[in-house]
Amino acid sequence: AMLLVNPKATTTNGRTRDVLIRAFGA
C-alpha cells in the first residue's frame, strides 16, 4: 500500500499522523 499524506490537512497534526501511519503500517 502507498499512503499519501497531506501535511497541511485541516484536522490532523504531526502526532496524529504518526499514530495513524504506525497503525496502518502494522
mmCIF file of all heavy atoms, coordinates in Angstrom:
data_MODEL
# 
_entry.id   MODEL 
# 
loop_
_atom_site.group_PDB 
_atom_site.id 
_atom_site.type_symbol 
_atom_site.label_atom_id 
_atom_site.label_alt_id 
_atom_site.label_comp_id 
_atom_site.label_asym_id 
_atom_site.label_entity_id 
_atom_site.label_seq_id 
_atom_site.pdbx_PDB_ins_code 
_atom_site.Cartn_x 
_atom_site.Cartn_y 
_atom_site.Cartn_z 
_atom_site.occupancy 
_atom_site.B_iso_or_equiv 
_atom_site.pdbx_formal_charge 
_atom_site.auth_seq_id 
_atom_site.auth_comp_id 
_atom_site.auth_asym_id 
_atom_site.auth_atom_id 
_atom_site.pdbx_PDB_model_num 
ATOM 1   N N   . ALA A 1 1  ? 0.847   -1.194 0.000  1.00 0.00 ? 1  ALA A N   1 
ATOM 2   C CA  . ALA A 1 1  ? 0.000   0.000  0.000  1.00 0.00 ? 1  ALA A CA  1 
ATOM 3   C C   . ALA A 1 1  ? 0.879   1.238  0.000  1.00 0.00 ? 1  ALA A C   1 
ATOM 4   O O   . ALA A 1 1  ? 1.939   1.269  0.634  1.00 0.00 ? 1  ALA A O   1 
ATOM 5   C CB  . ALA A 1 1  ? -0.917  0.010  1.218  1.00 0.00 ? 1  ALA A CB  1 
ATOM 6   N N   . MET A 1 2  ? 0.426   2.247  -0.705 1.00 0.00 ? 2  MET A N   1 
ATOM 7   C CA  . MET A 1 2  ? 1.056   3.560  -0.651 1.00 0.00 ? 2  MET A CA  1 
ATOM 8   C C   . MET A 1 2  ? 0.116   4.504  0.077  1.00 0.00 ? 2  MET A C   1 
ATOM 9   O O   . MET A 1 2  ? -1.070  4.616  -0.281 1.00 0.00 ? 2  MET A O   1 
ATOM 10  C CB  . MET A 1 2  ? 1.355   4.097  -2.046 1.00 0.00 ? 2  MET A CB  1 
ATOM 11  C CG  . MET A 1 2  ? 2.015   5.487  -2.023 1.00 0.00 ? 2  MET A CG  1 
ATOM 12  S SD  . MET A 1 2  ? 2.359   6.182  -3.673 1.00 0.00 ? 2  MET A SD  1 
ATOM 13  C CE  . MET A 1 2  ? 3.738   5.142  -4.176 1.00 0.00 ? 2  MET A CE  1 
ATOM 14  N N   . LEU A 1 3  ? 0.620   5.159  1.111  1.00 0.00 ? 3  LEU A N   1 
ATOM 15  C CA  . LEU A 1 3  ? -0.162  6.128  1.868  1.00 0.00 ? 3  LEU A CA  1 
ATOM 16  C C   . LEU A 1 3  ? 0.261   7.530  1.464  1.00 0.00 ? 3  LEU A C   1 
ATOM 17  O O   . LEU A 1 3  ? 1.424   7.907  1.619  1.00 0.00 ? 3  LEU A O   1 
ATOM 18  C CB  . LEU A 1 3  ? 0.040   5.935  3.375  1.00 0.00 ? 3  LEU A CB  1 
ATOM 19  C CG  . LEU A 1 3  ? -0.606  6.979  4.293  1.00 0.00 ? 3  LEU A CG  1 
ATOM 20  C CD1 . LEU A 1 3  ? -2.125  6.982  4.135  1.00 0.00 ? 3  LEU A CD1 1 
ATOM 21  C CD2 . LEU A 1 3  ? -0.218  6.736  5.747  1.00 0.00 ? 3  LEU A CD2 1 
ATOM 22  N N   . LEU A 1 4  ? -0.701  8.305  0.971  1.00 0.00 ? 4  LEU A N   1 
ATOM 23  C CA  . LEU A 1 4  ? -0.467  9.685  0.581  1.00 0.00 ? 4  LEU A CA  1 
ATOM 24  C C   . LEU A 1 4  ? -0.929  10.584 1.718  1.00 0.00 ? 4  LEU A C   1 
ATOM 25  O O   . LEU A 1 4  ? -2.100  10.556 2.102  1.00 0.00 ? 4  LEU A O   1 
ATOM 26  C CB  . LEU A 1 4  ? -1.222  10.030 -0.698 1.00 0.00 ? 4  LEU A CB  1 
ATOM 27  C CG  . LEU A 1 4  ? -1.067  9.042  -1.865 1.00 0.00 ? 4  LEU A CG  1 
ATOM 28  C CD1 . LEU A 1 4  ? -1.813  9.549  -3.088 1.00 0.00 ? 4  LEU A CD1 1 
ATOM 29  C CD2 . LEU A 1 4  ? 0.400   8.788  -2.174 1.00 0.00 ? 4  LEU A CD2 1 
ATOM 30  N N   . VAL A 1 5  ? -0.023  11.378 2.257  1.00 0.00 ? 5  VAL A N   1 
ATOM 31  C CA  . VAL A 1 5  ? -0.312  12.213 3.417  1.00 0.00 ? 5  VAL A CA  1 
ATOM 32  C C   . VAL A 1 5  ? -0.227  13.674 3.003  1.00 0.00 ? 5  VAL A C   1 
ATOM 33  O O   . VAL A 1 5  ? 0.808   14.125 2.492  1.00 0.00 ? 5  VAL A O   1 
ATOM 34  C CB  . VAL A 1 5  ? 0.679   11.942 4.569  1.00 0.00 ? 5  VAL A CB  1 
ATOM 35  C CG1 . VAL A 1 5  ? 0.391   12.862 5.745  1.00 0.00 ? 5  VAL A CG1 1 
ATOM 36  C CG2 . VAL A 1 5  ? 0.609   10.482 4.994  1.00 0.00 ? 5  VAL A CG2 1 
ATOM 37  N N   . ASN A 1 6  ? -1.312  14.395 3.223  1.00 0.00 ? 6  ASN A N   1 
ATOM 38  C CA  . ASN A 1 6  ? -1.277  15.840 3.028  1.00 0.00 ? 6  ASN A CA  1 
ATOM 39  C C   . ASN A 1 6  ? -0.868  16.486 4.351  1.00 0.00 ? 6  ASN A C   1 
ATOM 40  O O   . ASN A 1 6  ? -1.664  16.524 5.293  1.00 0.00 ? 6  ASN A O   1 
ATOM 41  C CB  . ASN A 1 6  ? -2.649  16.352 2.595  1.00 0.00 ? 6  ASN A CB  1 
ATOM 42  C CG  . ASN A 1 6  ? -2.667  17.859 2.369  1.00 0.00 ? 6  ASN A CG  1 
ATOM 43  O OD1 . ASN A 1 6  ? -1.669  18.548 2.591  1.00 0.00 ? 6  ASN A OD1 1 
ATOM 44  N ND2 . ASN A 1 6  ? -3.800  18.372 1.940  1.00 0.00 ? 6  ASN A ND2 1 
ATOM 45  N N   . PRO A 1 7  ? 0.362   17.001 4.465  1.00 0.00 ? 7  PRO A N   1 
ATOM 46  C CA  . PRO A 1 7  ? 0.820   17.543 5.751  1.00 0.00 ? 7  PRO A CA  1 
ATOM 47  C C   . PRO A 1 7  ? 0.074   18.811 6.161  1.00 0.00 ? 7  PRO A C   1 
ATOM 48  O O   . PRO A 1 7  ? 0.152   19.222 7.317  1.00 0.00 ? 7  PRO A O   1 
ATOM 49  C CB  . PRO A 1 7  ? 2.303   17.832 5.499  1.00 0.00 ? 7  PRO A CB  1 
ATOM 50  C CG  . PRO A 1 7  ? 2.422   18.008 4.028  1.00 0.00 ? 7  PRO A CG  1 
ATOM 51  C CD  . PRO A 1 7  ? 1.393   17.089 3.416  1.00 0.00 ? 7  PRO A CD  1 
ATOM 52  N N   . LYS A 1 8  ? -0.673  19.410 5.212  1.00 0.00 ? 8  LYS A N   1 
ATOM 53  C CA  . LYS A 1 8  ? -1.440  20.614 5.527  1.00 0.00 ? 8  LYS A CA  1 
ATOM 54  C C   . LYS A 1 8  ? -2.916  20.325 5.759  1.00 0.00 ? 8  LYS A C   1 
ATOM 55  O O   . LYS A 1 8  ? -3.734  21.243 5.798  1.00 0.00 ? 8  LYS A O   1 
ATOM 56  C CB  . LYS A 1 8  ? -1.288  21.631 4.396  1.00 0.00 ? 8  LYS A CB  1 
ATOM 57  C CG  . LYS A 1 8  ? 0.140   22.113 4.197  1.00 0.00 ? 8  LYS A CG  1 
ATOM 58  C CD  . LYS A 1 8  ? 0.235   23.146 3.086  1.00 0.00 ? 8  LYS A CD  1 
ATOM 59  C CE  . LYS A 1 8  ? 1.668   23.623 2.899  1.00 0.00 ? 8  LYS A CE  1 
ATOM 60  N NZ  . LYS A 1 8  ? 1.778   24.620 1.805  1.00 0.00 ? 8  LYS A NZ  1 
ATOM 61  N N   . ALA A 1 9  ? -3.267  19.045 5.900  1.00 0.00 ? 9  ALA A N   1 
ATOM 62  C CA  . ALA A 1 9  ? -4.669  18.673 6.133  1.00 0.00 ? 9  ALA A CA  1 
ATOM 63  C C   . ALA A 1 9  ? -5.215  19.402 7.354  1.00 0.00 ? 9  ALA A C   1 
ATOM 64  O O   . ALA A 1 9  ? -4.528  19.562 8.371  1.00 0.00 ? 9  ALA A O   1 
ATOM 65  C CB  . ALA A 1 9  ? -4.789  17.166 6.311  1.00 0.00 ? 9  ALA A CB  1 
ATOM 66  N N   . THR A 1 10 ? -6.467  19.821 7.248  1.00 0.00 ? 10 THR A N   1 
ATOM 67  C CA  . THR A 1 10 ? -7.058  20.734 8.228  1.00 0.00 ? 10 THR A CA  1 
ATOM 68  C C   . THR A 1 10 ? -7.149  20.155 9.630  1.00 0.00 ? 10 THR A C   1 
ATOM 69  O O   . THR A 1 10 ? -6.853  20.836 10.618 1.00 0.00 ? 10 THR A O   1 
ATOM 70  C CB  . THR A 1 10 ? -8.473  21.158 7.765  1.00 0.00 ? 10 THR A CB  1 
ATOM 71  O OG1 . THR A 1 10 ? -8.372  21.703 6.444  1.00 0.00 ? 10 THR A OG1 1 
ATOM 72  C CG2 . THR A 1 10 ? -9.063  22.200 8.692  1.00 0.00 ? 10 THR A CG2 1 
ATOM 73  N N   . THR A 1 11 ? -7.545  18.886 9.759  1.00 0.00 ? 11 THR A N   1 
ATOM 74  C CA  . THR A 1 11 ? -7.920  18.361 11.069 1.00 0.00 ? 11 THR A CA  1 
ATOM 75  C C   . THR A 1 11 ? -6.927  17.356 11.643 1.00 0.00 ? 11 THR A C   1 
ATOM 76  O O   . THR A 1 11 ? -7.261  16.625 12.560 1.00 0.00 ? 11 THR A O   1 
ATOM 77  C CB  . THR A 1 11 ? -9.313  17.702 11.001 1.00 0.00 ? 11 THR A CB  1 
ATOM 78  O OG1 . THR A 1 11 ? -9.291  16.662 10.000 1.00 0.00 ? 11 THR A OG1 1 
ATOM 79  C CG2 . THR A 1 11 ? -10.375 18.724 10.636 1.00 0.00 ? 11 THR A CG2 1 
ATOM 80  N N   . THR A 1 12 ? -5.711  17.308 11.111 1.00 0.00 ? 12 THR A N   1 
ATOM 81  C CA  . THR A 1 12 ? -4.716  16.408 11.683 1.00 0.00 ? 12 THR A CA  1 
ATOM 82  C C   . THR A 1 12 ? -3.448  17.187 12.006 1.00 0.00 ? 12 THR A C   1 
ATOM 83  O O   . THR A 1 12 ? -3.186  18.242 11.450 1.00 0.00 ? 12 THR A O   1 
ATOM 84  C CB  . THR A 1 12 ? -4.361  15.265 10.706 1.00 0.00 ? 12 THR A CB  1 
ATOM 85  O OG1 . THR A 1 12 ? -3.854  15.824 9.488  1.00 0.00 ? 12 THR A OG1 1 
ATOM 86  C CG2 . THR A 1 12 ? -5.582  14.413 10.401 1.00 0.00 ? 12 THR A CG2 1 
ATOM 87  N N   . ASN A 1 13 ? -2.655  16.621 12.930 1.00 0.00 ? 13 ASN A N   1 
ATOM 88  C CA  . ASN A 1 13 ? -1.354  17.205 13.250 1.00 0.00 ? 13 ASN A CA  1 
ATOM 89  C C   . ASN A 1 13 ? -0.294  16.110 13.148 1.00 0.00 ? 13 ASN A C   1 
ATOM 90  O O   . ASN A 1 13 ? -0.599  14.947 12.870 1.00 0.00 ? 13 ASN A O   1 
ATOM 91  C CB  . ASN A 1 13 ? -1.366  17.840 14.639 1.00 0.00 ? 13 ASN A CB  1 
ATOM 92  C CG  . ASN A 1 13 ? -1.836  16.861 15.712 1.00 0.00 ? 13 ASN A CG  1 
ATOM 93  O OD1 . ASN A 1 13 ? -1.468  15.679 15.701 1.00 0.00 ? 13 ASN A OD1 1 
ATOM 94  N ND2 . ASN A 1 13 ? -2.643  17.344 16.647 1.00 0.00 ? 13 ASN A ND2 1 
ATOM 95  N N   . GLY A 1 14 ? 0.945   16.483 13.366 1.00 0.00 ? 14 GLY A N   1 
ATOM 96  C CA  . GLY A 1 14 ? 2.042   15.539 13.207 1.00 0.00 ? 14 GLY A CA  1 
ATOM 97  C C   . GLY A 1 14 ? 1.919   14.315 14.093 1.00 0.00 ? 14 GLY A C   1 
ATOM 98  O O   . GLY A 1 14 ? 2.174   13.193 13.658 1.00 0.00 ? 14 GLY A O   1 
ATOM 99  N N   . ARG A 1 15 ? 1.505   14.520 15.348 1.00 0.00 ? 15 ARG A N   1 
ATOM 100 C CA  . ARG A 1 15 ? 1.375   13.393 16.269 1.00 0.00 ? 15 ARG A CA  1 
ATOM 101 C C   . ARG A 1 15 ? 0.295   12.423 15.819 1.00 0.00 ? 15 ARG A C   1 
ATOM 102 O O   . ARG A 1 15 ? 0.501   11.202 15.821 1.00 0.00 ? 15 ARG A O   1 
ATOM 103 C CB  . ARG A 1 15 ? 1.068   13.915 17.671 1.00 0.00 ? 15 ARG A CB  1 
ATOM 104 C CG  . ARG A 1 15 ? 0.921   12.810 18.713 1.00 0.00 ? 15 ARG A CG  1 
ATOM 105 C CD  . ARG A 1 15 ? 0.702   13.388 20.100 1.00 0.00 ? 15 ARG A CD  1 
ATOM 106 N NE  . ARG A 1 15 ? 1.863   14.150 20.547 1.00 0.00 ? 15 ARG A NE  1 
ATOM 107 C CZ  . ARG A 1 15 ? 1.930   14.800 21.706 1.00 0.00 ? 15 ARG A CZ  1 
ATOM 108 N NH1 . ARG A 1 15 ? 0.879   14.799 22.517 1.00 0.00 ? 15 ARG A NH1 1 
ATOM 109 N NH2 . ARG A 1 15 ? 3.028   15.447 22.044 1.00 0.00 ? 15 ARG A NH2 1 
ATOM 110 N N   . THR A 1 16 ? -0.851  12.966 15.416 1.00 0.00 ? 16 THR A N   1 
ATOM 111 C CA  . THR A 1 16 ? -1.941  12.108 14.945 1.00 0.00 ? 16 THR A CA  1 
ATOM 112 C C   . THR A 1 16 ? -1.514  11.332 13.709 1.00 0.00 ? 16 THR A C   1 
ATOM 113 O O   . THR A 1 16 ? -1.783  10.127 13.585 1.00 0.00 ? 16 THR A O   1 
ATOM 114 C CB  . THR A 1 16 ? -3.187  12.943 14.630 1.00 0.00 ? 16 THR A CB  1 
ATOM 115 O OG1 . THR A 1 16 ? -3.595  13.645 15.803 1.00 0.00 ? 16 THR A OG1 1 
ATOM 116 C CG2 . THR A 1 16 ? -4.325  12.060 14.148 1.00 0.00 ? 16 THR A CG2 1 
ATOM 117 N N   . ARG A 1 17 ? -0.846  12.016 12.782 1.00 0.00 ? 17 ARG A N   1 
ATOM 118 C CA  . ARG A 1 17 ? -0.399  11.335 11.567 1.00 0.00 ? 17 ARG A CA  1 
ATOM 119 C C   . ARG A 1 17 ? 0.563   10.198 11.888 1.00 0.00 ? 17 ARG A C   1 
ATOM 120 O O   . ARG A 1 17 ? 0.476   9.113  11.303 1.00 0.00 ? 17 ARG A O   1 
ATOM 121 C CB  . ARG A 1 17 ? 0.258   12.349 10.616 1.00 0.00 ? 17 ARG A CB  1 
ATOM 122 C CG  . ARG A 1 17 ? -0.724  13.313 9.972  1.00 0.00 ? 17 ARG A CG  1 
ATOM 123 C CD  . ARG A 1 17 ? -0.083  14.075 8.830  1.00 0.00 ? 17 ARG A CD  1 
ATOM 124 N NE  . ARG A 1 17 ? 0.930   15.013 9.288  1.00 0.00 ? 17 ARG A NE  1 
ATOM 125 C CZ  . ARG A 1 17 ? 0.681   16.276 9.614  1.00 0.00 ? 17 ARG A CZ  1 
ATOM 126 N NH1 . ARG A 1 17 ? -0.561  16.738 9.563  1.00 0.00 ? 17 ARG A NH1 1 
ATOM 127 N NH2 . ARG A 1 17 ? 1.655   17.080 10.001 1.00 0.00 ? 17 ARG A NH2 1 
ATOM 128 N N   . ASP A 1 18 ? 1.471   10.400 12.829 1.00 0.00 ? 18 ASP A N   1 
ATOM 129 C CA  . ASP A 1 18 ? 2.417   9.345  13.194 1.00 0.00 ? 18 ASP A CA  1 
ATOM 130 C C   . ASP A 1 18 ? 1.689   8.123  13.756 1.00 0.00 ? 18 ASP A C   1 
ATOM 131 O O   . ASP A 1 18 ? 2.037   6.978  13.434 1.00 0.00 ? 18 ASP A O   1 
ATOM 132 C CB  . ASP A 1 18 ? 3.416   9.866  14.227 1.00 0.00 ? 18 ASP A CB  1 
ATOM 133 C CG  . ASP A 1 18 ? 4.405   10.855 13.625 1.00 0.00 ? 18 ASP A CG  1 
ATOM 134 O OD1 . ASP A 1 18 ? 4.516   10.893 12.384 1.00 0.00 ? 18 ASP A OD1 1 
ATOM 135 O OD2 . ASP A 1 18 ? 5.047   11.597 14.395 1.00 0.00 ? 18 ASP A OD2 1 
ATOM 136 N N   . VAL A 1 19 ? 0.688   8.353  14.591 1.00 0.00 ? 19 VAL A N   1 
ATOM 137 C CA  . VAL A 1 19 ? -0.087  7.243  15.166 1.00 0.00 ? 19 VAL A CA  1 
ATOM 138 C C   . VAL A 1 19 ? -0.798  6.465  14.063 1.00 0.00 ? 19 VAL A C   1 
ATOM 139 O O   . VAL A 1 19 ? -0.784  5.223  14.036 1.00 0.00 ? 19 VAL A O   1 
ATOM 140 C CB  . VAL A 1 19 ? -1.090  7.769  16.201 1.00 0.00 ? 19 VAL A CB  1 
ATOM 141 C CG1 . VAL A 1 19 ? -2.052  6.662  16.631 1.00 0.00 ? 19 VAL A CG1 1 
ATOM 142 C CG2 . VAL A 1 19 ? -0.360  8.327  17.421 1.00 0.00 ? 19 VAL A CG2 1 
ATOM 143 N N   . LEU A 1 20 ? -1.420  7.193  13.136 1.00 0.00 ? 20 LEU A N   1 
ATOM 144 C CA  . LEU A 1 20 ? -2.166  6.535  12.065 1.00 0.00 ? 20 LEU A CA  1 
ATOM 145 C C   . LEU A 1 20 ? -1.226  5.761  11.144 1.00 0.00 ? 20 LEU A C   1 
ATOM 146 O O   . LEU A 1 20 ? -1.558  4.653  10.703 1.00 0.00 ? 20 LEU A O   1 
ATOM 147 C CB  . LEU A 1 20 ? -2.951  7.580  11.273 1.00 0.00 ? 20 LEU A CB  1 
ATOM 148 C CG  . LEU A 1 20 ? -3.963  8.419  12.054 1.00 0.00 ? 20 LEU A CG  1 
ATOM 149 C CD1 . LEU A 1 20 ? -4.755  9.322  11.119 1.00 0.00 ? 20 LEU A CD1 1 
ATOM 150 C CD2 . LEU A 1 20 ? -4.917  7.534  12.843 1.00 0.00 ? 20 LEU A CD2 1 
ATOM 151 N N   . ILE A 1 21 ? -0.071  6.330  10.861 1.00 0.00 ? 21 ILE A N   1 
ATOM 152 C CA  . ILE A 1 21 ? 0.883   5.656  9.988  1.00 0.00 ? 21 ILE A CA  1 
ATOM 153 C C   . ILE A 1 21 ? 1.376   4.358  10.633 1.00 0.00 ? 21 ILE A C   1 
ATOM 154 O O   . ILE A 1 21 ? 1.481   3.319  9.962  1.00 0.00 ? 21 ILE A O   1 
ATOM 155 C CB  . ILE A 1 21 ? 2.060   6.595  9.659  1.00 0.00 ? 21 ILE A CB  1 
ATOM 156 C CG1 . ILE A 1 21 ? 1.592   7.709  8.721  1.00 0.00 ? 21 ILE A CG1 1 
ATOM 157 C CG2 . ILE A 1 21 ? 3.218   5.823  9.030  1.00 0.00 ? 21 ILE A CG2 1 
ATOM 158 C CD1 . ILE A 1 21 ? 2.600   8.817  8.541  1.00 0.00 ? 21 ILE A CD1 1 
ATOM 159 N N   . ARG A 1 22 ? 1.669   4.397  11.936 1.00 0.00 ? 22 ARG A N   1 
ATOM 160 C CA  . ARG A 1 22 ? 2.119   3.172  12.619 1.00 0.00 ? 22 ARG A CA  1 
ATOM 161 C C   . ARG A 1 22 ? 1.021   2.114  12.621 1.00 0.00 ? 22 ARG A C   1 
ATOM 162 O O   . ARG A 1 22 ? 1.300   0.925  12.396 1.00 0.00 ? 22 ARG A O   1 
ATOM 163 C CB  . ARG A 1 22 ? 2.540   3.505  14.046 1.00 0.00 ? 22 ARG A CB  1 
ATOM 164 C CG  . ARG A 1 22 ? 3.893   4.206  14.141 1.00 0.00 ? 22 ARG A CG  1 
ATOM 165 C CD  . ARG A 1 22 ? 4.461   4.121  15.550 1.00 0.00 ? 22 ARG A CD  1 
ATOM 166 N NE  . ARG A 1 22 ? 3.602   4.808  16.513 1.00 0.00 ? 22 ARG A NE  1 
ATOM 167 C CZ  . ARG A 1 22 ? 3.711   6.089  16.834 1.00 0.00 ? 22 ARG A CZ  1 
ATOM 168 N NH1 . ARG A 1 22 ? 4.651   6.832  16.251 1.00 0.00 ? 22 ARG A NH1 1 
ATOM 169 N NH2 . ARG A 1 22 ? 2.921   6.630  17.731 1.00 0.00 ? 22 ARG A NH2 1 
ATOM 170 N N   . ALA A 1 23 ? -0.215  2.523  12.869 1.00 0.00 ? 23 ALA A N   1 
ATOM 171 C CA  . ALA A 1 23 ? -1.321  1.564  12.905 1.00 0.00 ? 23 ALA A CA  1 
ATOM 172 C C   . ALA A 1 23 ? -1.524  0.927  11.531 1.00 0.00 ? 23 ALA A C   1 
ATOM 173 O O   . ALA A 1 23 ? -1.700  -0.291 11.413 1.00 0.00 ? 23 ALA A O   1 
ATOM 174 C CB  . ALA A 1 23 ? -2.598  2.253  13.369 1.00 0.00 ? 23 ALA A CB  1 
ATOM 175 N N   . PHE A 1 24 ? -1.482  1.739  10.506 1.00 0.00 ? 24 PHE A N   1 
ATOM 176 C CA  . PHE A 1 24 ? -1.692  1.214  9.160  1.00 0.00 ? 24 PHE A CA  1 
ATOM 177 C C   . PHE A 1 24 ? -0.500  0.384  8.707  1.00 0.00 ? 24 PHE A C   1 
ATOM 178 O O   . PHE A 1 24 ? -0.661  -0.657 8.046  1.00 0.00 ? 24 PHE A O   1 
ATOM 179 C CB  . PHE A 1 24 ? -1.946  2.384  8.201  1.00 0.00 ? 24 PHE A CB  1 
ATOM 180 C CG  . PHE A 1 24 ? -2.707  2.016  6.974  1.00 0.00 ? 24 PHE A CG  1 
ATOM 181 C CD1 . PHE A 1 24 ? -4.020  1.583  7.051  1.00 0.00 ? 24 PHE A CD1 1 
ATOM 182 C CD2 . PHE A 1 24 ? -2.109  2.085  5.724  1.00 0.00 ? 24 PHE A CD2 1 
ATOM 183 C CE1 . PHE A 1 24 ? -4.726  1.245  5.920  1.00 0.00 ? 24 PHE A CE1 1 
ATOM 184 C CE2 . PHE A 1 24 ? -2.810  1.744  4.583  1.00 0.00 ? 24 PHE A CE2 1 
ATOM 185 C CZ  . PHE A 1 24 ? -4.119  1.322  4.673  1.00 0.00 ? 24 PHE A CZ  1 
ATOM 186 N N   . GLY A 1 25 ? 0.697   0.829  9.069  1.00 0.00 ? 25 GLY A N   1 
ATOM 187 C CA  . GLY A 1 25 ? 1.896   0.103  8.677  1.00 0.00 ? 25 GLY A CA  1 
ATOM 188 C C   . GLY A 1 25 ? 2.020   -1.258 9.315  1.00 0.00 ? 25 GLY A C   1 
ATOM 189 O O   . GLY A 1 25 ? 2.730   -2.129 8.798  1.00 0.00 ? 25 GLY A O   1 
ATOM 190 N N   . ALA A 1 26 ? 1.347   -1.461 10.443 1.00 0.00 ? 26 ALA A N   1 
ATOM 191 C CA  . ALA A 1 26 ? 1.371   -2.775 11.089 1.00 0.00 ? 26 ALA A CA  1 
ATOM 192 C C   . ALA A 1 26 ? 0.538   -3.799 10.339 1.00 0.00 ? 26 ALA A C   1 
ATOM 193 O O   . ALA A 1 26 ? 0.683   -5.010 10.564 1.00 0.00 ? 26 ALA A O   1 
ATOM 194 C CB  . ALA A 1 26 ? 0.865   -2.656 12.531 1.00 0.00 ? 26 ALA A CB  1 
# 
